[in-house]
PDB file of N, CA and C in Angstrom:
ATOM      1  N   MET A   1     -93.623 -14.734 -19.299  1.00  0.00           N
ATOM      2  CA  MET A   1     -92.820 -15.927 -19.122  1.00  0.00           C
ATOM      3  C   MET A   1     -93.126 -16.482 -17.735  1.00  0.00           C
ATOM      4  N   ASP A   2     -93.448 -17.749 -17.679  1.00  0.00           N
ATOM      5  CA  ASP A   2     -93.761 -18.329 -16.383  1.00  0.00           C
ATOM      6  C   ASP A   2     -92.515 -18.939 -15.746  1.00  0.00           C
ATOM      7  N   ILE A   3     -92.656 -19.404 -14.517  1.00  0.00           N
ATOM      8  CA  ILE A   3     -91.549 -19.927 -13.726  1.00  0.00           C
ATOM      9  C   ILE A   3     -90.937 -21.152 -14.384  1.00  0.00           C
ATOM     10  N   LEU A   4     -91.698 -22.040 -14.956  1.00  0.00           N
ATOM     11  CA  LEU A   4     -91.166 -23.239 -15.596  1.00  0.00           C
ATOM     12  C   LEU A   4     -90.291 -22.878 -16.785  1.00  0.00           C
ATOM     13  N   ASN A   5     -90.741 -21.927 -17.564  1.00  0.00           N
ATOM     14  CA  ASN A   5     -89.934 -21.494 -18.706  1.00  0.00           C
ATOM     15  C   ASN A   5     -88.650 -20.812 -18.227  1.00  0.00           C
ATOM     16  N   LEU A   6     -88.746 -20.082 -17.146  1.00  0.00           N
ATOM     17  CA  LEU A   6     -87.579 -19.392 -16.593  1.00  0.00           C
ATOM     18  C   LEU A   6     -86.562 -20.420 -16.085  1.00  0.00           C
ATOM     19  N   LYS A   7     -87.041 -21.463 -15.393  1.00  0.00           N
ATOM     20  CA  LYS A   7     -86.150 -22.521 -14.909  1.00  0.00           C
ATOM     21  C   LYS A   7     -85.507 -23.256 -16.087  1.00  0.00           C
ATOM     22  N   GLU A   8     -86.277 -23.499 -17.112  1.00  0.00           N
ATOM     23  CA  GLU A   8     -85.744 -24.191 -18.291  1.00  0.00           C
ATOM     24  C   GLU A   8     -84.702 -23.323 -18.992  1.00  0.00           C
ATOM     25  N   ALA A   9     -84.955 -22.048 -19.091  1.00  0.00           N
ATOM     26  CA  ALA A   9     -84.010 -21.119 -19.714  1.00  0.00           C
ATOM     27  C   ALA A   9     -82.725 -21.044 -18.885  1.00  0.00           C
ATOM     28  N   LEU A  10     -82.887 -21.000 -17.558  1.00  0.00           N
ATOM     29  CA  LEU A  10     -81.715 -20.971 -16.676  1.00  0.00           C
ATOM     30  C   LEU A  10     -80.910 -22.249 -16.815  1.00  0.00           C
ATOM     31  N   SER A  11     -81.573 -23.381 -16.884  1.00  0.00           N
ATOM     32  CA  SER A  11     -80.907 -24.664 -17.055  1.00  0.00           C
ATOM     33  C   SER A  11     -80.132 -24.705 -18.373  1.00  0.00           C
ATOM     34  N   LYS A  12     -80.763 -24.214 -19.443  1.00  0.00           N
ATOM     35  CA  LYS A  12     -80.083 -24.162 -20.745  1.00  0.00           C
ATOM     36  C   LYS A  12     -78.874 -23.228 -20.694  1.00  0.00           C
ATOM     37  N   LEU A  13     -79.030 -22.107 -20.003  1.00  0.00           N
ATOM     38  CA  LEU A  13     -77.925 -21.154 -19.868  1.00  0.00           C
ATOM     39  C   LEU A  13     -76.771 -21.781 -19.090  1.00  0.00           C
ATOM     40  N   GLU A  14     -77.076 -22.500 -18.010  1.00  0.00           N
ATOM     41  CA  GLU A  14     -76.036 -23.184 -17.236  1.00  0.00           C
ATOM     42  C   GLU A  14     -75.328 -24.226 -18.088  1.00  0.00           C
ATOM     43  N   SER A  15     -76.090 -24.996 -18.846  1.00  0.00           N
ATOM     44  CA  SER A  15     -75.495 -26.012 -19.720  1.00  0.00           C
ATOM     45  C   SER A  15     -74.597 -25.370 -20.770  1.00  0.00           C
ATOM     46  N   ALA A  16     -75.050 -24.268 -21.337  1.00  0.00           N
ATOM     47  CA  ALA A  16     -74.253 -23.563 -22.345  1.00  0.00           C
ATOM     48  C   ALA A  16     -72.972 -23.025 -21.713  1.00  0.00           C
ATOM     49  N   GLY A  17     -73.088 -22.508 -20.497  1.00  0.00           N
ATOM     50  CA  GLY A  17     -71.904 -22.007 -19.789  1.00  0.00           C
ATOM     51  C   GLY A  17     -70.914 -23.116 -19.507  1.00  0.00           C
ATOM     52  N   GLU A  18     -71.409 -24.273 -19.078  1.00  0.00           N
ATOM     53  CA  GLU A  18     -70.528 -25.408 -18.817  1.00  0.00           C
ATOM     54  C   GLU A  18     -69.843 -25.877 -20.089  1.00  0.00           C
ATOM     55  N   ARG A  19     -70.584 -25.940 -21.193  1.00  0.00           N
ATOM     56  CA  ARG A  19     -69.976 -26.344 -22.474  1.00  0.00           C
ATOM     57  C   ARG A  19     -68.923 -25.330 -22.904  1.00  0.00           C
ATOM     58  N   LEU A  20     -69.226 -24.056 -22.688  1.00  0.00           N
ATOM     59  CA  LEU A  20     -68.260 -23.007 -23.046  1.00  0.00           C
ATOM     60  C   LEU A  20     -66.983 -23.162 -22.225  1.00  0.00           C
ATOM     61  N   LEU A  21     -67.139 -23.390 -20.921  1.00  0.00           N
ATOM     62  CA  LEU A  21     -65.963 -23.596 -20.072  1.00  0.00           C
ATOM     63  C   LEU A  21     -65.183 -24.826 -20.512  1.00  0.00           C
ATOM     64  N   ASP A  22     -65.914 -25.923 -20.767  1.00  0.00           N
ATOM     65  CA  ASP A  22     -65.246 -27.158 -21.170  1.00  0.00           C
ATOM     66  C   ASP A  22     -64.502 -27.019 -22.487  1.00  0.00           C
ATOM     67  N   SER A  23     -65.092 -26.310 -23.433  1.00  0.00           N
ATOM     68  CA  SER A  23     -64.497 -26.260 -24.768  1.00  0.00           C
ATOM     69  C   SER A  23     -63.557 -25.075 -24.982  1.00  0.00           C
ATOM     70  N   ARG A  24     -63.793 -23.978 -24.301  1.00  0.00           N
ATOM     71  CA  ARG A  24     -63.005 -22.770 -24.573  1.00  0.00           C
ATOM     72  C   ARG A  24     -62.027 -22.384 -23.474  1.00  0.00           C
ATOM     73  N   VAL A  25     -62.363 -22.648 -22.229  1.00  0.00           N
ATOM     74  CA  VAL A  25     -61.535 -22.179 -21.125  1.00  0.00           C
ATOM     75  C   VAL A  25     -60.585 -23.267 -20.624  1.00  0.00           C
ATOM     76  N   GLU A  26     -61.084 -24.463 -20.405  1.00  0.00           N
ATOM     77  CA  GLU A  26     -60.248 -25.513 -19.835  1.00  0.00           C
ATOM     78  C   GLU A  26     -59.031 -25.864 -20.688  1.00  0.00           C
ATOM     79  N   PRO A  27     -59.163 -26.058 -22.004  1.00  0.00           N
ATOM     80  CA  PRO A  27     -57.964 -26.423 -22.779  1.00  0.00           C
ATOM     81  C   PRO A  27     -56.810 -25.420 -22.651  1.00  0.00           C
ATOM     82  N   PRO A  28     -57.056 -24.101 -22.779  1.00  0.00           N
ATOM     83  CA  PRO A  28     -55.921 -23.185 -22.616  1.00  0.00           C
ATOM     84  C   PRO A  28     -55.348 -23.197 -21.197  1.00  0.00           C
ATOM     85  N   VAL A  29     -56.216 -23.359 -20.194  1.00  0.00           N
ATOM     86  CA  VAL A  29     -55.740 -23.405 -18.815  1.00  0.00           C
ATOM     87  C   VAL A  29     -54.882 -24.655 -18.609  1.00  0.00           C
ATOM     88  N   GLU A  30     -55.373 -25.798 -19.091  1.00  0.00           N
ATOM     89  CA  GLU A  30     -54.598 -27.035 -18.970  1.00  0.00           C
ATOM     90  C   GLU A  30     -53.274 -26.936 -19.718  1.00  0.00           C
ATOM     91  N   LYS A  31     -53.306 -26.339 -20.893  1.00  0.00           N
ATOM     92  CA  LYS A  31     -52.078 -26.172 -21.672  1.00  0.00           C
ATOM     93  C   LYS A  31     -51.098 -25.281 -20.906  1.00  0.00           C
ATOM     94  N   SER A  32     -51.611 -24.205 -20.321  1.00  0.00           N
ATOM     95  CA  SER A  32     -50.751 -23.298 -19.546  1.00  0.00           C
ATOM     96  C   SER A  32     -50.140 -24.012 -18.350  1.00  0.00           C
ATOM     97  N   ILE A  33     -50.932 -24.841 -17.678  1.00  0.00           N
ATOM     98  CA  ILE A  33     -50.424 -25.584 -16.530  1.00  0.00           C
ATOM     99  C   ILE A  33     -49.329 -26.554 -16.962  1.00  0.00           C
ATOM    100  N   ARG A  34     -49.546 -27.278 -18.074  1.00  0.00           N
ATOM    101  CA  ARG A  34     -48.521 -28.203 -18.578  1.00  0.00           C
ATOM    102  C   ARG A  34     -47.253 -27.443 -18.959  1.00  0.00           C
ATOM    103  N   GLN A  35     -47.425 -26.301 -19.618  1.00  0.00           N
ATOM    104  CA  GLN A  35     -46.281 -25.506 -20.044  1.00  0.00           C
ATOM    105  C   GLN A  35     -45.518 -24.972 -18.836  1.00  0.00           C
ATOM    106  N   LEU A  36     -46.236 -24.491 -17.837  1.00  0.00           N
ATOM    107  CA  LEU A  36     -45.594 -23.997 -16.625  1.00  0.00           C
ATOM    108  C   LEU A  36     -44.845 -25.127 -15.925  1.00  0.00           C
ATOM    109  N   GLY A  37     -45.457 -26.303 -15.880  1.00  0.00           N
ATOM    110  CA  GLY A  37     -44.800 -27.457 -15.267  1.00  0.00           C
ATOM    111  C   GLY A  37     -43.498 -27.797 -15.980  1.00  0.00           C
ATOM    112  N   ALA A  38     -43.528 -27.775 -17.307  1.00  0.00           N
ATOM    113  CA  ALA A  38     -42.311 -28.076 -18.076  1.00  0.00           C
ATOM    114  C   ALA A  38     -41.236 -27.021 -17.833  1.00  0.00           C
ATOM    115  N   GLU A  39     -41.635 -25.764 -17.787  1.00  0.00           N
ATOM    116  CA  GLU A  39     -40.669 -24.690 -17.539  1.00  0.00           C
ATOM    117  C   GLU A  39     -40.089 -24.794 -16.135  1.00  0.00           C
ATOM    118  N   MET A  40     -40.929 -25.103 -15.157  1.00  0.00           N
ATOM    119  CA  MET A  40     -40.448 -25.247 -13.787  1.00  0.00           C
ATOM    120  C   MET A  40     -39.477 -26.420 -13.680  1.00  0.00           C
ATOM    121  N   LYS A  41     -39.793 -27.511 -14.384  1.00  0.00           N
ATOM    122  CA  LYS A  41     -38.903 -28.673 -14.370  1.00  0.00           C
ATOM    123  C   LYS A  41     -37.531 -28.282 -14.918  1.00  0.00           C
ATOM    124  N   GLY A  42     -37.527 -27.538 -16.027  1.00  0.00           N
ATOM    125  CA  GLY A  42     -36.262 -27.076 -16.600  1.00  0.00           C
ATOM    126  C   GLY A  42     -35.530 -26.134 -15.665  1.00  0.00           C
ATOM    127  N   PHE A  43     -36.256 -25.229 -15.033  1.00  0.00           N
ATOM    128  CA  PHE A  43     -35.657 -24.281 -14.101  1.00  0.00           C
ATOM    129  C   PHE A  43     -35.034 -25.005 -12.917  1.00  0.00           C
ATOM    130  N   ILE A  44     -35.749 -25.978 -12.367  1.00  0.00           N
ATOM    131  CA  ILE A  44     -35.242 -26.726 -11.218  1.00  0.00           C
ATOM    132  C   ILE A  44     -34.009 -27.533 -11.613  1.00  0.00           C
ATOM    133  N   ALA A  45     -34.034 -28.130 -12.797  1.00  0.00           N
ATOM    134  CA  ALA A  45     -32.873 -28.895 -13.262  1.00  0.00           C
ATOM    135  C   ALA A  45     -31.659 -27.989 -13.422  1.00  0.00           C
ATOM    136  N   GLU A  46     -31.856 -26.807 -14.003  1.00  0.00           N
ATOM    137  CA  GLU A  46     -30.752 -25.847 -14.188  1.00  0.00           C
ATOM    138  C   GLU A  46     -30.224 -25.364 -12.838  1.00  0.00           C
ATOM    139  N   ALA A  47     -31.125 -25.078 -11.917  1.00  0.00           N
ATOM    140  CA  ALA A  47     -30.704 -24.651 -10.580  1.00  0.00           C
ATOM    141  C   ALA A  47     -29.897 -25.755  -9.907  1.00  0.00           C
ATOM    142  N   GLY A  48     -30.321 -27.000 -10.079  1.00  0.00           N
ATOM    143  CA  GLY A  48     -29.579 -28.128  -9.514  1.00  0.00           C
ATOM    144  C   GLY A  48     -28.183 -28.237 -10.097  1.00  0.00           C
ATOM    145  N   ARG A  49     -28.080 -28.044 -11.417  1.00  0.00           N
ATOM    146  CA  ARG A  49     -26.752 -28.090 -12.063  1.00  0.00           C
ATOM    147  C   ARG A  49     -25.862 -26.963 -11.539  1.00  0.00           C
ATOM    148  N   LYS A  50     -26.424 -25.779 -11.347  1.00  0.00           N
ATOM    149  CA  LYS A  50     -25.627 -24.658 -10.828  1.00  0.00           C
ATOM    150  C   LYS A  50     -25.161 -24.917  -9.403  1.00  0.00           C
ATOM    151  N   VAL A  51     -26.035 -25.473  -8.582  1.00  0.00           N
ATOM    152  CA  VAL A  51     -25.650 -25.792  -7.206  1.00  0.00           C
ATOM    153  C   VAL A  51     -24.535 -26.832  -7.198  1.00  0.00           C
ATOM    154  N   GLU A  52     -24.675 -27.874  -8.011  1.00  0.00           N
ATOM    155  CA  GLU A  52     -23.627 -28.900  -8.088  1.00  0.00           C
ATOM    156  C   GLU A  52     -22.305 -28.286  -8.540  1.00  0.00           C
ATOM    157  N   HIS A  53     -22.363 -27.388  -9.512  1.00  0.00           N
ATOM    158  CA  HIS A  53     -21.150 -26.725  -9.999  1.00  0.00           C
ATOM    159  C   HIS A  53     -20.505 -25.889  -8.893  1.00  0.00           C
ATOM    160  N   ASP A  54     -21.320 -25.120  -8.179  1.00  0.00           N
ATOM    161  CA  ASP A  54     -20.796 -24.280  -7.104  1.00  0.00           C
ATOM    162  C   ASP A  54     -20.205 -25.117  -5.971  1.00  0.00           C
ATOM    163  N   VAL A  55     -20.847 -26.223  -5.641  1.00  0.00           N
ATOM    164  CA  VAL A  55     -20.314 -27.111  -4.603  1.00  0.00           C
ATOM    165  C   VAL A  55     -18.972 -27.682  -5.048  1.00  0.00           C
ATOM    166  N   ALA A  56     -18.878 -28.059  -6.323  1.00  0.00           N
ATOM    167  CA  ALA A  56     -17.608 -28.584  -6.836  1.00  0.00           C
ATOM    168  C   ALA A  56     -16.513 -27.522  -6.764  1.00  0.00           C
ATOM    169  N   LEU A  57     -16.854 -26.270  -7.108  1.00  0.00           N
ATOM    170  CA  LEU A  57     -15.858 -25.196  -7.020  1.00  0.00           C
ATOM    171  C   LEU A  57     -15.410 -24.969  -5.584  1.00  0.00           C
ATOM    172  N   LEU A  58     -16.365 -24.935  -4.662  1.00  0.00           N
ATOM    173  CA  LEU A  58     -16.014 -24.739  -3.253  1.00  0.00           C
ATOM    174  C   LEU A  58     -15.153 -25.888  -2.740  1.00  0.00           C
ATOM    175  N   SER A  59     -15.503 -27.088  -3.122  1.00  0.00           N
ATOM    176  CA  SER A  59     -14.719 -28.244  -2.707  1.00  0.00           C
ATOM    177  C   SER A  59     -13.289 -28.138  -3.215  1.00  0.00           C
ATOM    178  N   GLN A  60     -13.137 -27.733  -4.471  1.00  0.00           N
ATOM    179  CA  GLN A  60     -11.799 -27.578  -5.042  1.00  0.00           C
ATOM    180  C   GLN A  60     -11.018 -26.480  -4.325  1.00  0.00           C
ATOM    181  N   GLU A  61     -11.697 -25.373  -4.003  1.00  0.00           N
ATOM    182  CA  GLU A  61     -11.029 -24.284  -3.276  1.00  0.00           C
ATOM    183  C   GLU A  61     -10.558 -24.750  -1.900  1.00  0.00           C
ATOM    184  N   PHE A  62     -11.423 -25.476  -1.187  1.00  0.00           N
ATOM    185  CA  PHE A  62     -11.016 -26.000   0.121  1.00  0.00           C
ATOM    186  C   PHE A  62      -9.816 -26.925  -0.031  1.00  0.00           C
ATOM    187  N   HIS A  63      -9.855 -27.775  -1.041  1.00  0.00           N
ATOM    188  CA  HIS A  63      -8.749 -28.691  -1.276  1.00  0.00           C
ATOM    189  C   HIS A  63      -7.466 -27.921  -1.575  1.00  0.00           C
ATOM    190  N   ASN A  64      -7.576 -26.892  -2.432  1.00  0.00           N
ATOM    191  CA  ASN A  64      -6.398 -26.085  -2.780  1.00  0.00           C
ATOM    192  C   ASN A  64      -5.804 -25.419  -1.546  1.00  0.00           C
ATOM    193  N   HIS A  65      -6.657 -24.839  -0.709  1.00  0.00           N
ATOM    194  CA  HIS A  65      -6.159 -24.163   0.489  1.00  0.00           C
ATOM    195  C   HIS A  65      -5.562 -25.167   1.473  1.00  0.00           C
ATOM    196  N   ARG A  66      -6.171 -26.323   1.583  1.00  0.00           N
ATOM    197  CA  ARG A  66      -5.640 -27.352   2.463  1.00  0.00           C
ATOM    198  C   ARG A  66      -4.273 -27.817   1.959  1.00  0.00           C
ATOM    199  N   SER A  67      -4.130 -27.983   0.651  1.00  0.00           N
ATOM    200  CA  SER A  67      -2.854 -28.409   0.077  1.00  0.00           C
ATOM    201  C   SER A  67      -1.773 -27.372   0.343  1.00  0.00           C
ATOM    202  N   ILE A  68      -2.113 -26.127   0.175  1.00  0.00           N
ATOM    203  CA  ILE A  68      -1.142 -25.059   0.434  1.00  0.00           C
ATOM    204  C   ILE A  68      -0.724 -25.097   1.898  1.00  0.00           C
ATOM    205  N   THR A  69      -1.684 -25.245   2.789  1.00  0.00           N
ATOM    206  CA  THR A  69      -1.386 -25.278   4.214  1.00  0.00           C
ATOM    207  C   THR A  69      -0.499 -26.470   4.562  1.00  0.00           C
ATOM    208  N   VAL A  70      -0.836 -27.632   4.054  1.00  0.00           N
ATOM    209  CA  VAL A  70      -0.039 -28.832   4.327  1.00  0.00           C
ATOM    210  C   VAL A  70       1.370 -28.662   3.784  1.00  0.00           C
ATOM    211  N   ASP A  71       1.500 -28.072   2.618  1.00  0.00           N
ATOM    212  CA  ASP A  71       2.822 -27.865   2.020  1.00  0.00           C
ATOM    213  C   ASP A  71       3.632 -26.805   2.760  1.00  0.00           C
ATOM    214  N   GLU A  72       2.978 -25.861   3.390  1.00  0.00           N
ATOM    215  CA  GLU A  72       3.695 -24.763   4.056  1.00  0.00           C
ATOM    216  C   GLU A  72       4.079 -25.089   5.494  1.00  0.00           C
ATOM    217  N   ILE A  73       3.511 -26.100   6.106  1.00  0.00           N
ATOM    218  CA  ILE A  73       3.775 -26.391   7.521  1.00  0.00           C
ATOM    219  C   ILE A  73       5.236 -26.783   7.783  1.00  0.00           C
ATOM    220  N   PRO A  74       5.829 -27.720   7.023  1.00  0.00           N
ATOM    221  CA  PRO A  74       7.221 -28.087   7.333  1.00  0.00           C
ATOM    222  C   PRO A  74       8.198 -26.899   7.290  1.00  0.00           C
ATOM    223  N   PRO A  75       8.140 -26.033   6.265  1.00  0.00           N
ATOM    224  CA  PRO A  75       9.055 -24.885   6.300  1.00  0.00           C
ATOM    225  C   PRO A  75       8.787 -23.945   7.483  1.00  0.00           C
ATOM    226  N   LEU A  76       7.528 -23.798   7.879  1.00  0.00           N
ATOM    227  CA  LEU A  76       7.228 -22.950   9.028  1.00  0.00           C
ATOM    228  C   LEU A  76       7.788 -23.544  10.317  1.00  0.00           C
ATOM    229  N   ILE A  77       7.714 -24.872  10.440  1.00  0.00           N
ATOM    230  CA  ILE A  77       8.283 -25.527  11.617  1.00  0.00           C
ATOM    231  C   ILE A  77       9.800 -25.356  11.632  1.00  0.00           C
ATOM    232  N   ASP A  78      10.421 -25.533  10.455  1.00  0.00           N
ATOM    233  CA  ASP A  78      11.873 -25.351  10.364  1.00  0.00           C
ATOM    234  C   ASP A  78      12.263 -23.923  10.726  1.00  0.00           C
ATOM    235  N   TYR A  79      11.540 -22.953  10.214  1.00  0.00           N
ATOM    236  CA  TYR A  79      11.828 -21.545  10.501  1.00  0.00           C
ATOM    237  C   TYR A  79      11.662 -21.262  11.996  1.00  0.00           C
ATOM    238  N   SER A  80      10.564 -21.773  12.577  1.00  0.00           N
ATOM    239  CA  SER A  80      10.314 -21.552  14.006  1.00  0.00           C
ATOM    240  C   SER A  80      11.409 -22.191  14.847  1.00  0.00           C
ATOM    241  N   ALA A  81      11.792 -23.409  14.480  1.00  0.00           N
ATOM    242  CA  ALA A  81      12.850 -24.093  15.237  1.00  0.00           C
ATOM    243  C   ALA A  81      14.164 -23.322  15.131  1.00  0.00           C
ATOM    244  N   HIS A  82      14.468 -22.824  13.958  1.00  0.00           N
ATOM    245  CA  HIS A  82      15.695 -22.043  13.771  1.00  0.00           C
ATOM    246  C   HIS A  82      15.665 -20.767  14.617  1.00  0.00           C
ATOM    247  N   LYS A  83      14.557 -20.054  14.597  1.00  0.00           N
ATOM    248  CA  LYS A  83      14.426 -18.814  15.379  1.00  0.00           C
ATOM    249  C   LYS A  83      14.509 -19.122  16.878  1.00  0.00           C
ATOM    250  N   PHE A  84      13.851 -20.198  17.307  1.00  0.00           N
ATOM    251  CA  PHE A  84      13.871 -20.568  18.709  1.00  0.00           C
ATOM    252  C   PHE A  84      15.301 -20.935  19.140  1.00  0.00           C
ATOM    253  N   GLY A  85      15.966 -21.696  18.258  1.00  0.00           N
ATOM    254  CA  GLY A  85      17.363 -22.060  18.555  1.00  0.00           C
ATOM    255  C   GLY A  85      18.248 -20.830  18.639  1.00  0.00           C
ATOM    256  N   THR A  86      18.080 -19.883  17.755  1.00  0.00           N
ATOM    257  CA  THR A  86      18.852 -18.642  17.768  1.00  0.00           C
ATOM    258  C   THR A  86      18.595 -17.878  19.058  1.00  0.00           C
ATOM    259  N   LEU A  87      17.351 -17.809  19.486  1.00  0.00           N
ATOM    260  CA  LEU A  87      16.985 -17.094  20.702  1.00  0.00           C
ATOM    261  C   LEU A  87      17.641 -17.765  21.925  1.00  0.00           C
ATOM    262  N   ILE A  88      17.606 -19.100  21.960  1.00  0.00           N
ATOM    263  CA  ILE A  88      18.221 -19.816  23.068  1.00  0.00           C
ATOM    264  C   ILE A  88      19.736 -19.563  23.097  1.00  0.00           C
ATOM    265  N   ASP A  89      20.372 -19.588  21.912  1.00  0.00           N
ATOM    266  CA  ASP A  89      21.795 -19.311  21.831  1.00  0.00           C
ATOM    267  C   ASP A  89      22.090 -17.903  22.354  1.00  0.00           C
ATOM    268  N   GLN A  90      21.297 -16.947  22.019  1.00  0.00           N
ATOM    269  CA  GLN A  90      21.507 -15.568  22.468  1.00  0.00           C
ATOM    270  C   GLN A  90      21.379 -15.466  23.991  1.00  0.00           C
ATOM    271  N   VAL A  91      20.391 -16.154  24.544  1.00  0.00           N
ATOM    272  CA  VAL A  91      20.190 -16.116  25.997  1.00  0.00           C
ATOM    273  C   VAL A  91      21.349 -16.802  26.702  1.00  0.00           C
ATOM    274  N   LEU A  92      21.790 -17.942  26.184  1.00  0.00           N
ATOM    275  CA  LEU A  92      22.875 -18.669  26.833  1.00  0.00           C
ATOM    276  C   LEU A  92      24.216 -17.950  26.732  1.00  0.00           C
ATOM    277  N   HIS A  93      24.396 -17.201  25.678  1.00  0.00           N
ATOM    278  CA  HIS A  93      25.695 -16.545  25.470  1.00  0.00           C
ATOM    279  C   HIS A  93      25.703 -15.100  25.959  1.00  0.00           C
ATOM    280  N   SER A  94      24.623 -14.677  26.564  1.00  0.00           N
ATOM    281  CA  SER A  94      24.649 -13.297  27.028  1.00  0.00           C
ATOM    282  C   SER A  94      24.957 -13.200  28.494  1.00  0.00           C
TER     283      SER A  94
END
């Protein structure tokens, strides 16, 4: 086999390899990439929904605790004023 035939055989082998890649390898790889992209999109959307849900829960908890605090302040002030008044009365009458 001479060099020209060897180069021609190599060229044919390269062409066959390229056709094999184009027809057999690329389609499954492209399909896998599209499928992975779709799955990632779904995963990101679900993660976003979970984050929004958790933020809403935290916001509600903060609101609930703030409401409790606001509702409890007037009785605490009344109790403190009563105790302070009692203490002053005790000091003045002793």
